Protein backbone atom coordinates (compact mmCIF):
# COMPACT_ATOMS: atom_id res chain seq x y z
CA MET A 1 -4.23 -43.09 -29.48
CA ILE A 2 -7.06 -45.57 -29.02
CA ASN A 3 -7.49 -49.11 -27.76
CA PHE A 4 -10.41 -50.90 -29.37
CA ASN A 5 -11.13 -54.26 -27.76
CA GLY A 6 -7.43 -54.93 -27.14
CA ASN A 7 -6.05 -53.53 -30.42
CA CYS A 8 -4.29 -50.15 -30.41
CA PHE A 9 -4.32 -47.61 -33.23
CA HIS A 10 -2.68 -44.22 -33.69
CA SER A 11 -5.94 -42.68 -34.88
CA PHE A 12 -9.47 -43.51 -35.97
CA LYS A 13 -8.26 -43.36 -39.59
CA ALA A 14 -6.15 -46.44 -38.94
CA ALA A 15 -8.99 -48.30 -37.22
CA PRO A 16 -10.94 -51.07 -39.01
CA GLU A 17 -14.42 -50.58 -40.43
CA GLU A 18 -15.77 -52.78 -37.60
CA LEU A 19 -14.82 -50.10 -35.08
CA LEU A 20 -16.23 -47.23 -37.09
CA HIS A 21 -19.51 -49.10 -37.48
CA LYS A 22 -19.81 -49.54 -33.69
CA LEU A 23 -19.35 -45.80 -33.19
CA THR A 24 -22.62 -45.17 -35.02
CA PHE A 25 -24.37 -46.56 -31.90
CA LEU A 26 -24.73 -44.56 -28.71
CA PRO A 27 -22.40 -45.87 -25.97
CA ILE A 28 -24.23 -47.73 -23.22
CA HIS A 29 -21.76 -46.38 -20.70
CA THR A 30 -18.97 -43.80 -20.67
CA HIS A 31 -16.46 -43.82 -17.84
CA HIS A 32 -13.72 -41.25 -17.20
CA LEU A 33 -10.56 -41.86 -15.16
CA ILE A 34 -7.58 -39.69 -14.19
CA ALA A 35 -4.01 -40.78 -14.98
CA PHE A 36 -0.77 -39.43 -13.53
CA LYS A 37 2.19 -40.28 -15.77
CA GLY A 38 0.22 -43.16 -17.27
CA LYS A 39 -0.93 -44.63 -13.94
CA ILE A 40 -4.64 -44.62 -13.04
CA THR A 41 -5.65 -43.39 -9.62
CA LEU A 42 -8.49 -45.23 -7.79
CA LEU A 43 -8.47 -47.97 -10.45
CA GLU A 44 -10.13 -50.63 -8.29
CA ALA A 45 -13.00 -48.30 -7.37
CA HIS A 46 -13.44 -47.40 -11.04
CA TYR A 47 -13.52 -51.07 -12.01
CA PHE A 48 -16.30 -51.97 -9.58
CA SER A 49 -18.28 -48.92 -10.65
CA ILE A 50 -17.98 -49.97 -14.32
CA MET A 51 -19.09 -53.52 -13.58
CA ALA A 52 -22.09 -52.35 -11.57
CA THR A 53 -23.21 -50.07 -14.39
CA LEU A 54 -22.77 -52.74 -17.07
CA ARG A 55 -24.87 -55.19 -15.05
CA ARG A 56 -27.66 -52.63 -14.86
CA SER A 57 -27.42 -52.06 -18.61
CA ARG A 58 -28.65 -55.59 -19.44
CA VAL A 59 -25.69 -56.65 -21.58
CA GLU A 60 -23.53 -59.76 -21.79
CA ILE A 61 -20.35 -58.95 -19.87
CA PRO A 62 -17.32 -60.88 -21.22
CA MET A 63 -15.70 -63.22 -18.71
CA GLN A 64 -12.28 -61.64 -19.34
CA TYR A 65 -13.47 -58.29 -17.97
CA THR A 66 -11.47 -58.61 -14.76
CA LEU A 67 -9.55 -55.90 -12.93
CA GLU A 68 -6.31 -57.43 -14.22
CA PHE A 69 -7.65 -57.37 -17.80
CA PHE A 70 -8.42 -53.66 -17.67
CA GLN A 71 -5.03 -52.97 -16.10
CA GLU A 72 -3.39 -54.83 -19.00
CA GLN A 73 -5.42 -52.83 -21.52
CA LEU A 74 -4.46 -49.57 -19.84
CA ASP A 75 -0.79 -50.56 -19.86
CA LEU A 76 -1.05 -51.58 -23.52
CA LEU A 77 -2.50 -48.21 -24.49
CA ASN A 78 0.00 -46.34 -22.33
CA ASP A 79 2.94 -48.16 -23.94
CA PHE A 80 1.51 -47.39 -27.37
CA ASN A 81 1.00 -43.73 -26.48
CA SER A 82 3.79 -41.49 -27.76
CA SER A 83 2.70 -38.50 -25.68
CA HIS A 84 3.10 -39.07 -21.95
CA ALA A 85 1.69 -35.96 -20.34
CA ASP A 86 1.93 -35.91 -16.54
CA PHE A 87 -1.80 -35.42 -16.16
CA GLN A 88 -4.31 -37.05 -18.50
CA ARG A 89 -7.88 -38.28 -18.64
CA LEU A 90 -8.72 -41.77 -19.84
CA SER A 91 -12.16 -42.35 -21.29
CA ILE A 92 -13.63 -45.84 -21.66
CA LYS A 93 -16.77 -46.22 -23.74
CA PHE A 94 -18.76 -49.44 -23.99
CA TYR A 95 -20.87 -50.23 -27.06
CA ARG A 96 -23.29 -52.98 -27.97
CA LYS A 97 -22.02 -55.15 -30.81
CA GLN A 98 -25.56 -55.20 -32.16
CA ASN A 99 -28.96 -53.77 -31.30
CA PRO A 100 -31.21 -55.95 -29.11
CA THR A 101 -33.82 -58.04 -30.91
CA GLN A 102 -36.46 -60.53 -29.80
CA GLY A 103 -34.04 -63.29 -30.72
CA VAL A 104 -30.99 -61.70 -29.06
CA LYS A 105 -32.26 -59.74 -26.08
CA VAL A 106 -29.01 -59.45 -24.13
CA THR A 107 -26.23 -58.47 -26.53
CA SER A 108 -22.45 -58.68 -26.24
CA ILE A 109 -20.34 -55.54 -25.93
CA CYS A 110 -17.00 -54.04 -26.89
CA PHE A 111 -14.95 -51.14 -25.49
CA LEU A 112 -12.99 -48.15 -26.70
CA MET A 113 -10.22 -46.56 -24.60
CA GLN A 114 -8.64 -43.21 -25.32
CA PHE A 115 -6.23 -40.87 -23.50
CA GLU A 116 -7.16 -37.18 -23.53
CA ARG A 117 -5.68 -34.02 -22.04
CA VAL A 118 -7.42 -32.48 -19.03
CA LEU A 119 -6.76 -28.99 -17.71
CA TRP A 120 -6.58 -28.94 -13.92
CA ASP A 121 -6.20 -25.18 -13.70
CA SER A 122 -7.76 -22.46 -11.58
CA ARG A 123 -10.43 -21.21 -13.94
CA ALA A 124 -13.15 -19.05 -12.42
CA LEU A 125 -16.47 -18.96 -14.26
CA GLU A 126 -19.80 -17.22 -13.83
CA ILE A 127 -22.73 -19.58 -13.44
CA THR A 128 -26.40 -19.49 -14.37
CA LEU A 129 -29.47 -21.68 -13.88
CA TYR A 130 -30.87 -23.91 -16.62
CA LYS A 131 -34.62 -24.29 -16.08
CA ASP A 132 -35.96 -25.44 -19.47
CA HIS A 133 -35.80 -29.14 -18.51
CA TYR A 134 -35.26 -31.03 -15.25
CA ILE A 135 -33.34 -34.05 -14.04
CA PHE A 136 -35.52 -36.67 -12.36
CA ALA A 137 -34.56 -37.36 -8.77
CA ASN A 138 -34.09 -41.13 -9.02
CA ASP A 139 -31.24 -43.61 -9.09
CA TYR A 140 -31.28 -43.97 -12.90
CA SER A 141 -30.24 -40.31 -13.09
CA ASN A 142 -27.08 -41.22 -11.16
CA ARG A 143 -25.63 -42.80 -14.33
CA PHE A 144 -23.42 -40.56 -16.46
CA GLN A 145 -25.11 -41.51 -19.73
CA THR A 146 -28.68 -40.83 -18.60
CA ASN A 147 -28.62 -37.02 -18.68
CA GLU A 148 -25.66 -36.33 -20.97
CA SER A 149 -27.86 -34.82 -23.71
CA LEU A 150 -29.53 -32.57 -21.11
CA ARG A 151 -26.15 -31.35 -19.85
CA ASN A 152 -25.15 -30.53 -23.43
CA LEU A 153 -28.34 -28.51 -23.91
CA ALA A 154 -27.59 -26.62 -20.70
CA LYS A 155 -24.04 -25.90 -21.90
CA VAL A 156 -25.36 -24.33 -25.09
CA PHE A 157 -27.82 -22.26 -23.05
CA ALA A 158 -25.00 -21.03 -20.79
CA TYR A 159 -22.68 -20.15 -23.68
CA GLU A 160 -25.42 -18.36 -25.63
CA ASN A 161 -26.14 -16.19 -22.61
CA GLY A 162 -22.53 -15.32 -21.86
CA PHE A 163 -21.89 -17.77 -18.99
CA GLY A 164 -19.22 -20.42 -18.62
CA VAL A 165 -21.34 -23.06 -16.89
CA ALA A 166 -24.92 -23.82 -15.85
CA LEU A 167 -26.57 -25.47 -12.86
CA LEU A 168 -29.29 -28.05 -13.44
CA LEU A 169 -32.37 -28.59 -11.29
CA ASN A 170 -34.24 -31.78 -10.51
CA ASP A 171 -37.99 -32.26 -10.84
CA GLN A 172 -38.39 -30.91 -7.29
CA LYS A 173 -36.69 -27.67 -8.47
CA ARG A 174 -33.68 -28.21 -6.22
CA LEU A 175 -30.04 -27.96 -7.29
CA VAL A 176 -28.62 -31.25 -8.49
CA GLU A 177 -25.40 -30.81 -10.54
CA SER A 178 -23.68 -28.58 -13.09
CA THR A 179 -22.73 -28.91 -16.73
CA ASN A 180 -19.10 -29.15 -15.58
CA GLY A 181 -19.46 -31.74 -12.84
CA SER A 182 -20.50 -32.10 -9.21
CA PHE A 183 -20.83 -28.86 -7.28
CA PHE A 184 -19.98 -27.97 -3.70
CA LEU A 185 -20.89 -24.97 -1.54
CA ILE A 186 -18.70 -23.71 1.30
CA GLU A 187 -20.10 -21.79 4.26
CA GLN A 188 -17.59 -21.39 7.10
CA ASP A 189 -16.46 -24.95 8.01
CA ILE A 190 -19.42 -26.71 6.33
CA ILE A 191 -19.39 -28.00 2.75
CA GLN A 192 -22.66 -29.00 1.12
CA THR A 193 -23.33 -31.07 -2.01
CA PRO A 194 -26.56 -32.61 -3.34
CA ALA A 195 -27.40 -36.04 -1.97
CA ILE A 196 -27.39 -38.98 -4.39
CA SER A 197 -31.17 -39.22 -3.97
CA GLU A 198 -31.43 -35.80 -5.64
CA GLY A 199 -30.21 -37.28 -8.96
CA PRO A 200 -26.53 -36.22 -9.47
CA ILE A 201 -23.99 -38.45 -11.18
CA ASP A 202 -22.75 -41.06 -8.73
CA ASP A 203 -19.19 -41.41 -9.95
CA VAL A 204 -15.92 -42.52 -8.39
CA PHE A 205 -14.41 -39.04 -8.58
CA ARG A 206 -17.22 -37.51 -6.53
CA LYS A 207 -16.99 -40.29 -3.94
CA ALA A 208 -13.22 -39.88 -3.71
CA PHE A 209 -13.55 -36.16 -3.08
CA ILE A 210 -16.18 -36.72 -0.39
CA ASP A 211 -13.93 -39.33 1.31
CA PHE A 212 -11.04 -36.88 1.07
CA LEU A 213 -13.05 -34.14 2.78
CA ARG A 214 -14.29 -36.42 5.56
CA ASN A 215 -10.97 -38.12 6.31
CA GLU A 216 -8.27 -35.61 5.39
CA MET A 217 -9.72 -32.14 6.01
CA GLU A 218 -11.26 -30.25 8.91
CA PHE A 219 -14.57 -29.54 7.18
CA THR A 220 -17.99 -31.04 7.81
CA LEU A 221 -19.38 -32.51 4.59
CA ILE A 222 -23.18 -32.68 4.26
CA GLU A 223 -25.00 -34.44 1.43
CA THR A 224 -28.45 -32.92 1.42
CA GLU A 225 -31.26 -31.21 -0.47
CA ILE A 226 -30.07 -27.83 -1.71
CA PRO A 227 -32.61 -25.16 -2.70
CA ILE A 228 -31.66 -22.37 -5.09
CA PHE A 229 -31.51 -19.69 -2.36
CA SER A 230 -28.57 -21.56 -0.74
CA LEU A 231 -26.35 -20.09 -3.44
CA GLN A 232 -26.84 -16.63 -1.96
CA GLN A 233 -25.70 -17.83 1.47
CA ALA A 234 -22.50 -19.62 0.43
CA GLN A 235 -19.04 -18.07 0.71
CA GLU A 236 -17.48 -20.18 -2.02
CA MET A 237 -18.62 -22.51 -4.76
CA PHE A 238 -16.63 -24.92 -6.92
CA LEU A 239 -17.13 -27.82 -9.34
CA ILE A 240 -15.17 -31.04 -9.81
CA SER A 241 -15.17 -33.67 -12.56
CA THR A 242 -12.72 -35.89 -14.41
CA ILE A 243 -13.61 -34.05 -17.63
CA TYR A 244 -13.19 -30.42 -16.52
CA GLY A 245 -11.00 -30.78 -13.45
CA PHE A 246 -11.52 -28.28 -10.64
CA VAL A 247 -13.53 -25.20 -11.56
CA HIS A 248 -14.06 -22.18 -9.30
CA ILE A 249 -17.30 -20.23 -9.54
CA SER A 250 -16.77 -16.48 -9.40
CA GLN A 251 -20.34 -15.21 -9.48
CA PHE A 252 -24.03 -16.16 -9.54
CA ARG A 253 -26.29 -13.23 -10.40
CA LYS A 254 -25.14 -10.47 -8.00
CA LYS A 255 -23.56 -12.90 -5.56
CA LYS A 256 -19.74 -13.01 -5.78
CA PHE A 257 -17.83 -15.98 -4.39
CA GLU A 258 -14.41 -16.17 -2.79
CA VAL A 259 -11.80 -18.77 -3.80
CA LYS A 260 -9.43 -18.91 -0.82
CA ILE A 261 -10.64 -22.18 0.73
CA SER A 262 -11.43 -23.92 -2.55
CA ASN A 263 -7.92 -23.15 -3.85
CA ARG A 264 -6.48 -24.93 -0.82
CA LEU A 265 -8.85 -27.88 -1.31
CA ARG A 266 -7.88 -28.13 -4.99
CA ASP A 267 -4.16 -28.46 -4.25
CA ALA A 268 -4.69 -30.87 -1.35
CA PHE A 269 -7.04 -33.10 -3.35
CA LEU A 270 -4.61 -33.31 -6.24
CA THR A 271 -1.93 -34.55 -3.82
CA TYR A 272 -4.45 -36.98 -2.32
CA LEU A 273 -5.21 -38.47 -5.76
CA LYS A 274 -1.53 -38.96 -6.54
CA ASN A 275 -1.14 -40.83 -3.26
CA GLN A 276 -3.87 -43.29 -4.31
CA LEU A 277 -1.77 -44.75 -7.15
């Protein structure tokens, strides 16, 4: 089920040639949201994040792109959707209608919405380091689209070497994020995650989890620089993202991680998200 610029279709086969032509371009922005029984959690925060990214992308933002408009489009797609799973991911991709030229520097855009299944299970994966290429520690790296190709390369590296996920480093050779989302380290009552200045994706889901930890739980959350050796000192390690859900890390090299605290955080955060509807 897809919603292309306000028109819903059962599949891409039923979509017009205009849509298929737009998909030959790279999206200027991809945004992922979580839906519970068709309702989006943290919708207002997602909306402002989308608008901020589109403004930075130097495109012509349609006047009808209001919060109410996106809510209407979500409802339209949800009503059209024949499969109402309790827990879904909604992806919104924005495309230029044409490539920039000297005559048309700032181009207009269109959007594509699509519901997808997401597994919020208790997978435990072994992790490795990807060191062939680095993420630059600057604010442009905080956009999802900027390093997507690099994350895909790191995924292939991990799979080829028998791992489920890989950690990426920034140009200062510090830990920045994983191929499966933002990562967090637990050591006693302290939880660490890379600071935004280190170059990780600055998304709504990460912010919501940080707010949840600071306001709802008894842990001290620290956003900081994290060197590689910190992995050996941590008791537990986990990843979160709207794409992969909540992923436990079982082992890094010879270091084995526990899952007791992160299991409790997973269940509590899921309840927290449902309460934000």
